């Protein structure tokens, strides 16, 4: 089998070590913060990706147990991936249903990532053979759906607190770049679907201050009618309404699951497509590699391989 350009750009995959749960104590949080850590078995100076899960219908994918198709690929290609179980997870509902901040826990979700970075040395030392191999200056972030909303806040987007009316900023300067996967878009008049009243927080985001570099990934068939009648373009708002440097990857024929990133063979995936998931894993890894290693050719090479030619997986534009 010949080696494809995409393989060359990221190097060959290596075996992955995974440890779960690593338990972090956070004062005031109703339950301990549990994370899964996935890391390549070899390599040093490893960058970190924090992965924020969404709020899907299944019990376990919206937790540290989800998103294996992405987490495993990223770890096999040189990243340490840290996945928290946010308080929105269905695995915790019976414990936190009445806790302050329920049901959306928007502030807690963002704070989880800051707590992880505060205790990165604890995480590093908890996993056998990982100590001393992380580059603490190379931190990236990815989030799917509600996780994309969380990522936007950490990358600089403002939020009008529905409870107080105050503008809140939860930007995390240690995070150098991000990936927003099928993230929610703007509020206002377009937030007119039946779920809009239940989740007013979704429409409270101001993308104009989201200045950190980010890749926004949107499916051109991701029509979130429960929130808006704007159509799939709603999910491009984090790109359209934020300042550069930003890149938009529009995946052809992709719905909200983007081919099945939340889990292998997940029943909730409406557009199951392993090839699309593989391409997305490559593109996101290449984007973050190049952002964290300026001048590296991975992003350009991978884009040329997967988004040009006779059968592109999507379209890329940047600003």
Protein backbone atom coordinates (compact mmCIF):
# COMPACT_ATOMS: atom_id res chain seq x y z
CA UNK A 1 0.00 0.00 0.00
CA UNK A 2 1.42 3.35 -0.96
CA UNK A 3 1.82 6.08 1.62
CA UNK A 4 -0.63 8.90 1.09
CA UNK A 5 0.37 12.56 1.45
CA UNK A 6 -1.91 12.85 4.48
CA UNK A 7 0.05 10.14 6.25
CA UNK A 8 3.31 11.90 5.46
CA UNK A 9 2.05 15.22 6.82
CA UNK A 10 1.26 13.87 10.29
CA UNK A 11 3.67 10.95 10.47
CA UNK A 12 2.78 7.34 11.09
CA UNK A 13 0.40 6.60 13.98
CA UNK A 14 1.85 5.20 17.20
CA UNK A 15 0.17 3.10 19.92
CA UNK A 16 -2.00 5.04 22.36
CA UNK A 17 -2.03 4.85 26.15
CA UNK A 18 -5.31 5.81 27.84
CA UNK A 19 -6.05 6.31 31.52
CA UNK A 20 -9.50 6.90 32.98
CA UNK A 21 -10.68 8.27 35.24
CA UNK A 22 -8.09 10.70 36.53
CA UNK A 23 -9.92 12.43 39.38
CA UNK A 24 -9.28 16.11 40.05
CA UNK A 25 -10.58 17.78 43.19
CA UNK A 26 -12.24 21.13 42.50
CA UNK A 27 -13.50 23.05 45.56
CA UNK A 28 -17.16 23.98 45.22
CA UNK A 29 -17.88 21.65 42.29
CA UNK A 30 -20.77 19.33 43.25
CA UNK A 31 -18.78 16.26 42.10
CA UNK A 32 -15.09 15.71 41.42
CA UNK A 33 -13.86 16.50 37.94
CA UNK A 34 -13.08 13.24 36.14
CA UNK A 35 -11.02 13.16 32.96
CA UNK A 36 -9.73 10.62 30.47
CA UNK A 37 -6.15 11.08 29.29
CA UNK A 38 -4.99 9.60 25.98
CA UNK A 39 -1.36 9.93 24.93
CA UNK A 40 1.02 8.52 22.35
CA UNK A 41 3.26 5.77 23.71
CA UNK A 42 6.32 7.60 22.34
CA UNK A 43 7.50 11.15 21.83
CA UNK A 44 8.34 14.20 23.92
CA UNK A 45 7.36 17.86 23.86
CA UNK A 46 3.79 16.71 23.31
CA UNK A 47 1.08 19.35 22.77
CA UNK A 48 -2.28 19.04 24.57
CA UNK A 49 -5.83 19.05 23.19
CA UNK A 50 -8.66 19.65 25.65
CA UNK A 51 -11.82 18.02 24.24
CA UNK A 52 -15.23 19.31 25.32
CA UNK A 53 -18.12 16.91 24.73
CA UNK A 54 -21.56 17.85 23.50
CA UNK A 55 -25.01 17.14 24.92
CA UNK A 56 -26.29 14.23 22.85
CA UNK A 57 -29.16 11.83 23.55
CA UNK A 58 -27.07 8.82 24.58
CA UNK A 59 -26.02 8.21 28.15
CA UNK A 60 -22.26 7.87 27.91
CA UNK A 61 -20.95 9.57 24.77
CA UNK A 62 -21.42 12.98 26.41
CA UNK A 63 -18.70 12.23 28.95
CA UNK A 64 -15.06 11.24 29.16
CA UNK A 65 -16.12 7.99 27.44
CA UNK A 66 -17.10 9.65 24.14
CA UNK A 67 -15.37 10.88 21.00
CA UNK A 68 -12.96 7.95 20.69
CA UNK A 69 -12.74 8.35 16.88
CA UNK A 70 -11.13 11.76 17.37
CA UNK A 71 -9.31 11.29 20.67
CA UNK A 72 -7.60 8.09 19.58
CA UNK A 73 -6.48 9.51 16.24
CA UNK A 74 -5.15 12.71 17.79
CA UNK A 75 -3.23 10.79 20.45
CA UNK A 76 -1.83 8.38 17.86
CA UNK A 77 -0.46 11.41 16.02
CA UNK A 78 1.36 13.12 18.84
CA UNK A 79 -1.18 14.92 21.03
CA UNK A 80 -2.10 14.37 24.66
CA UNK A 81 -5.92 14.47 24.71
CA UNK A 82 -7.73 15.35 27.96
CA UNK A 83 -11.49 14.76 28.08
CA UNK A 84 -13.53 15.92 31.07
CA UNK A 85 -16.99 14.78 32.05
CA UNK A 86 -18.81 18.12 32.27
CA UNK A 87 -21.73 18.56 34.68
CA UNK A 88 -24.12 18.49 31.70
CA UNK A 89 -23.35 14.80 31.13
CA UNK A 90 -26.31 12.44 31.44
CA UNK A 91 -24.06 10.21 33.55
CA UNK A 92 -24.24 12.91 36.27
CA UNK A 93 -27.82 14.15 35.94
CA UNK A 94 -29.04 12.20 38.97
CA UNK A 95 -26.31 13.84 41.08
CA UNK A 96 -26.38 17.45 39.88
CA UNK A 97 -29.92 18.10 38.63
CA UNK A 98 -30.53 20.64 41.41
CA UNK A 99 -27.00 22.11 41.52
CA UNK A 100 -26.46 25.82 40.81
CA UNK A 101 -26.02 26.36 37.09
CA UNK A 102 -28.21 23.46 35.97
CA UNK A 103 -29.13 22.42 33.35
CA UNK A 104 -26.68 24.13 30.96
CA UNK A 105 -23.76 24.63 33.40
CA UNK A 106 -22.27 27.08 30.88
CA UNK A 107 -19.83 28.63 33.34
CA UNK A 108 -18.82 25.32 34.92
CA UNK A 109 -18.10 23.75 31.51
CA UNK A 110 -15.61 26.49 30.68
CA UNK A 111 -14.13 26.46 34.18
CA UNK A 112 -13.51 22.70 33.86
CA UNK A 113 -10.90 23.44 31.20
CA UNK A 114 -9.14 26.03 33.37
CA UNK A 115 -9.07 23.53 36.26
CA UNK A 116 -7.50 20.92 33.96
CA UNK A 117 -4.77 23.35 32.95
CA UNK A 118 -4.22 24.33 36.58
CA UNK A 119 -3.67 20.65 37.44
CA UNK A 120 -1.92 19.53 34.26
CA UNK A 121 1.08 18.38 36.28
CA UNK A 122 -1.24 16.18 38.38
CA UNK A 123 -2.66 14.64 35.20
CA UNK A 124 0.81 14.18 33.73
CA UNK A 125 2.08 12.39 36.81
CA UNK A 126 -1.04 10.23 37.15
CA UNK A 127 -0.40 8.42 33.89
CA UNK A 128 2.51 5.99 33.86
CA UNK A 129 5.25 7.00 31.41
CA UNK A 130 3.80 10.42 30.67
CA UNK A 131 5.66 12.60 33.19
CA UNK A 132 8.03 15.07 31.54
CA UNK A 133 6.69 14.49 28.02
CA UNK A 134 4.12 17.33 27.80
CA UNK A 135 4.86 20.80 26.41
CA UNK A 136 2.79 22.97 28.77
CA UNK A 137 3.03 25.95 26.38
CA UNK A 138 1.29 24.18 23.50
CA UNK A 139 -2.38 23.95 24.52
CA UNK A 140 -5.27 23.57 22.09
CA UNK A 141 -8.99 23.05 22.51
CA UNK A 142 -11.73 21.27 20.59
CA UNK A 143 -15.44 21.02 21.24
CA UNK A 144 -18.47 19.49 19.52
CA UNK A 145 -21.95 21.04 19.54
CA UNK A 146 -22.44 22.37 23.09
CA UNK A 147 -18.70 21.72 23.44
CA UNK A 148 -18.19 24.12 20.54
CA UNK A 149 -20.16 26.71 22.48
CA UNK A 150 -17.83 26.11 25.46
CA UNK A 151 -14.80 26.38 23.18
CA UNK A 152 -16.01 29.73 21.83
CA UNK A 153 -16.11 31.20 25.35
CA UNK A 154 -12.61 29.94 26.13
CA UNK A 155 -11.31 31.38 22.85
CA UNK A 156 -12.64 34.85 23.70
CA UNK A 157 -16.33 35.10 22.83
CA UNK A 158 -18.38 37.15 25.25
CA UNK A 159 -21.62 36.01 26.83
CA UNK A 160 -24.53 37.97 28.26
CA UNK A 161 -25.45 36.15 31.46
CA UNK A 162 -29.22 35.54 31.20
CA UNK A 163 -29.46 35.66 34.99
CA UNK A 164 -27.83 39.05 35.54
CA UNK A 165 -27.66 40.71 32.12
CA UNK A 166 -23.93 41.24 32.63
CA UNK A 167 -21.40 40.59 29.87
CA UNK A 168 -19.08 37.77 30.94
CA UNK A 169 -15.69 36.86 29.48
CA UNK A 170 -14.18 33.45 30.28
CA UNK A 171 -11.26 33.60 27.84
CA UNK A 172 -8.41 31.23 28.73
CA UNK A 173 -5.11 32.76 27.51
CA UNK A 174 -3.21 29.49 27.94
CA UNK A 175 -5.18 28.04 25.02
CA UNK A 176 -3.39 28.93 21.79
CA UNK A 177 -5.83 27.60 19.17
CA UNK A 178 -9.18 25.87 18.91
CA UNK A 179 -11.48 23.71 16.79
CA UNK A 180 -15.25 24.30 16.91
CA UNK A 181 -17.19 21.28 15.60
CA UNK A 182 -20.85 21.89 14.66
CA UNK A 183 -21.00 24.72 17.20
CA UNK A 184 -24.13 26.84 17.73
CA UNK A 185 -24.42 30.16 15.95
CA UNK A 186 -25.92 33.55 16.70
CA UNK A 187 -28.90 34.45 18.84
CA UNK A 188 -31.38 37.23 18.25
CA UNK A 189 -34.27 36.85 15.83
CA UNK A 190 -32.84 33.74 14.17
CA UNK A 191 -32.92 31.78 17.45
CA UNK A 192 -36.58 30.94 16.92
CA UNK A 193 -36.85 27.14 17.22
CA UNK A 194 -38.73 25.22 19.93
CA UNK A 195 -35.56 24.64 22.00
CA UNK A 196 -34.58 28.33 22.03
CA UNK A 197 -36.64 29.13 25.13
CA UNK A 198 -35.26 26.14 27.03
CA UNK A 199 -31.66 27.03 26.21
CA UNK A 200 -31.54 30.85 26.04
CA UNK A 201 -27.83 30.69 26.83
CA UNK A 202 -27.18 29.46 23.27
CA UNK A 203 -28.20 32.83 21.86
CA UNK A 204 -26.26 34.88 24.38
CA UNK A 205 -22.83 34.60 22.74
CA UNK A 206 -20.98 37.51 21.12
CA UNK A 207 -18.40 36.15 18.68
CA UNK A 208 -16.89 39.57 17.91
CA UNK A 209 -14.27 39.20 20.67
CA UNK A 210 -13.32 35.60 19.81
CA UNK A 211 -9.84 36.57 18.67
CA UNK A 212 -7.90 33.32 19.17
CA UNK A 213 -7.04 31.29 16.05
CA UNK A 214 -9.70 28.67 15.37
CA UNK A 215 -10.92 26.17 12.82
CA UNK A 216 -14.72 26.24 12.54
CA UNK A 217 -16.16 22.98 11.15
CA UNK A 218 -19.72 22.97 9.83
CA UNK A 219 -21.72 20.31 7.99
CA UNK A 220 -23.61 21.61 4.97
CA UNK A 221 -26.57 19.36 5.91
CA UNK A 222 -26.54 20.27 9.64
CA UNK A 223 -29.97 21.90 9.85
CA UNK A 224 -30.69 22.52 13.54
CA UNK A 225 -34.40 23.31 13.27
CA UNK A 226 -34.90 22.88 17.02
CA UNK A 227 -32.92 26.11 17.45
CA UNK A 228 -33.29 28.06 14.21
CA UNK A 229 -34.80 28.15 10.72
CA UNK A 230 -31.58 29.71 9.40
CA UNK A 231 -30.39 26.36 8.05
CA UNK A 232 -26.87 24.91 8.06
CA UNK A 233 -25.30 28.37 7.70
CA UNK A 234 -26.09 28.97 11.39
CA UNK A 235 -23.17 26.72 12.30
CA UNK A 236 -20.79 28.92 10.27
CA UNK A 237 -21.55 31.96 12.48
CA UNK A 238 -18.53 31.39 14.76
CA UNK A 239 -16.42 31.93 11.62
CA UNK A 240 -18.48 34.65 9.96
CA UNK A 241 -19.04 36.79 13.07
CA UNK A 242 -15.58 36.52 14.66
CA UNK A 243 -12.32 38.28 13.75
CA UNK A 244 -9.41 36.47 12.10
CA UNK A 245 -7.32 34.44 12.10
CA UNK A 246 -10.07 31.91 11.42
CA UNK A 247 -10.56 29.01 9.02
CA UNK A 248 -13.89 27.50 7.97
CA UNK A 249 -14.13 23.85 6.91
CA UNK A 250 -17.53 23.06 5.39
CA UNK A 251 -17.97 19.27 5.21
CA UNK A 252 -20.06 18.09 2.28
CA UNK A 253 -23.20 16.05 3.14
CA UNK A 254 -22.37 16.16 6.88
CA UNK A 255 -25.09 16.46 9.50
CA UNK A 256 -24.69 17.32 13.19
CA UNK A 257 -22.69 14.18 13.99
CA UNK A 258 -20.17 15.06 11.27
CA UNK A 259 -20.12 11.43 10.19
CA UNK A 260 -19.95 9.91 13.67
CA UNK A 261 -17.30 11.68 15.77
CA UNK A 262 -19.09 11.14 19.10
CA UNK A 263 -18.51 7.38 19.13
CA UNK A 264 -17.89 4.31 17.03
CA UNK A 265 -21.11 2.96 15.47
CA UNK A 266 -23.27 5.27 17.58
CA UNK A 267 -26.98 4.90 16.98
CA UNK A 268 -27.47 8.66 17.34
CA UNK A 269 -25.28 9.41 14.32
CA UNK A 270 -27.66 10.40 11.51
CA UNK A 271 -24.96 10.59 8.83
CA UNK A 272 -22.62 7.72 9.64
CA UNK A 273 -19.59 7.92 7.36
CA UNK A 274 -16.27 6.49 8.59
CA UNK A 275 -14.37 8.08 5.72
CA UNK A 276 -15.66 11.52 6.69
CA UNK A 277 -14.67 10.96 10.32
CA UNK A 278 -11.20 9.85 9.27
CA UNK A 279 -10.79 12.91 7.05
CA UNK A 280 -12.02 15.24 9.79
CA UNK A 281 -9.64 13.68 12.33
CA UNK A 282 -6.74 14.25 9.92
CA UNK A 283 -7.73 17.81 9.07
CA UNK A 284 -8.22 18.87 12.69
CA UNK A 285 -4.93 17.27 13.77
CA UNK A 286 -3.12 18.95 10.90
CA UNK A 287 -4.68 22.35 11.67
CA UNK A 288 -3.71 22.23 15.35
CA UNK A 289 -0.24 20.85 14.57
CA UNK A 290 0.47 23.76 12.24
CA UNK A 291 -1.01 26.32 14.67
CA UNK A 292 1.12 25.01 17.53
CA UNK A 293 4.20 24.57 15.32
CA UNK A 294 4.16 27.68 13.05
CA UNK A 295 5.58 26.97 9.64
CA UNK A 296 4.84 23.25 9.74
CA UNK A 297 3.35 22.08 6.41
CA UNK A 298 0.80 19.62 7.85
CA UNK A 299 -2.28 21.81 7.35
CA UNK A 300 -1.51 22.86 3.78
CA UNK A 301 -0.53 19.33 2.75
CA UNK A 302 -3.58 17.72 4.35
CA UNK A 303 -5.95 20.32 2.90
CA UNK A 304 -4.57 19.72 -0.58
CA UNK A 305 -5.01 15.97 -0.16
CA UNK A 306 -8.55 16.03 1.23
CA UNK A 307 -10.30 19.19 -0.01
CA UNK A 308 -9.05 19.41 -3.60
CA UNK A 309 -9.19 17.02 -6.52
CA UNK A 310 -12.10 14.99 -7.89
CA UNK A 311 -13.68 13.86 -4.58
CA UNK A 312 -13.16 16.54 -1.89
CA UNK A 313 -14.58 15.98 1.61
CA UNK A 314 -15.31 19.66 1.99
CA UNK A 315 -14.41 23.25 1.26
CA UNK A 316 -11.91 25.43 3.13
CA UNK A 317 -11.75 29.20 3.39
CA UNK A 318 -9.75 31.46 5.70
CA UNK A 319 -9.53 35.03 6.90
